[in-house]
C-alpha cells in the first residue's frame, strides 16, 4: 500500500510572522492610545474627587476642634491631616478687610442693638465682624472648601453657587424669645499655607459675651461675601431654611419673630501652625 506523502502548498501570507507582529503591535498601540485618551483623564478626575472628599472630612474634623475650643472652652487643639491636590491657607480676621467676608448686625436705624444696660456697643453704626477663613483650594481650580465663621462651606470656583456641608451653632429659642449668634474668627501672625502632611494647631485666644435688649425695631443680619470666595448661596440657604429668617433684600435677613433678647458670642481662635 502506497502512502501519498505529497504536501499541498497553500497561501501562507496571512500567517506571516512579520504581519502578525505588526497586527499585534497595532492592537497594543491602539489600546495604549485609548487608555491615554479616556482612562488617564478619568483616573485624574477620580484622584481629584478623592482629594476633595478627604478635605471635606478634614474640614469637619477641624470644625469639631473649633467647637471644642469655642463651646467647651478647651484651651488647645491639635490635628494632623493630609492636604492633597491643593493648598490649605489661613486668612486671618485682619487680612484685607476691604474685600474679605463679614457679618453685620444692626437694627432698623442702622445702629447696633441696645445692651441690657441701656448703652450701645458702637454708637450709630452696625456691629461688623470679619471672621476670616481656613480655606482649601484644589490645584485644578475647580473646588474651594472653607471653614468660615464656624461653618464648613463648599463652592465650585468656576461656577456660581455654594453649599453648606456642616452648619454653625446659631439658634432661635421660641419659648424665651431669644436669638443666639456665634461669631468665630481666626487670628494668625501671618498668612499660613500648607500642602501635604501637616498639623493644624489652634488655641482659644479671646472670648466675649454680650446680651442685647431689642428696641422694637427688626434685627437685621447681613452677610457680605469675600470677593475671592463667595459663599452667599450657602449662607442664604442656612439663614432662610434652617433659621427661618426672611430676606427682603439680597444678603439682608431679619428674624421671623422679633426676639426680645439677642445674645452674641464672639470668639477669636489663634492658629499657630498649619
Foldseek 3Di string as FASTA:
>chain_A
DDDDPDDDDDDPPVVDPVVVVVVVVVVVVVVVVVCVVPVVVVVVVVVLVVLVVQVLVVLVVVLVVVCCCAVVVDFKDKDKDARPQWKKKWDFQPHPPVFAKKKWKPFPQQFDFAFPVRHGPDPNHTDIGRATWTWIAGPVQQKIWICGQSWIKIDGQVDDAIATPGDHPWAADVVQLETEAEGEHEDEPDMAMDHTIDMKMKGWDDKDKTKGFGPPTWMKMFIDHGPRDDHQRHVVCCCCPVHVWDDPDRRITTHPDRRRMYMYMYTYMYIYHD
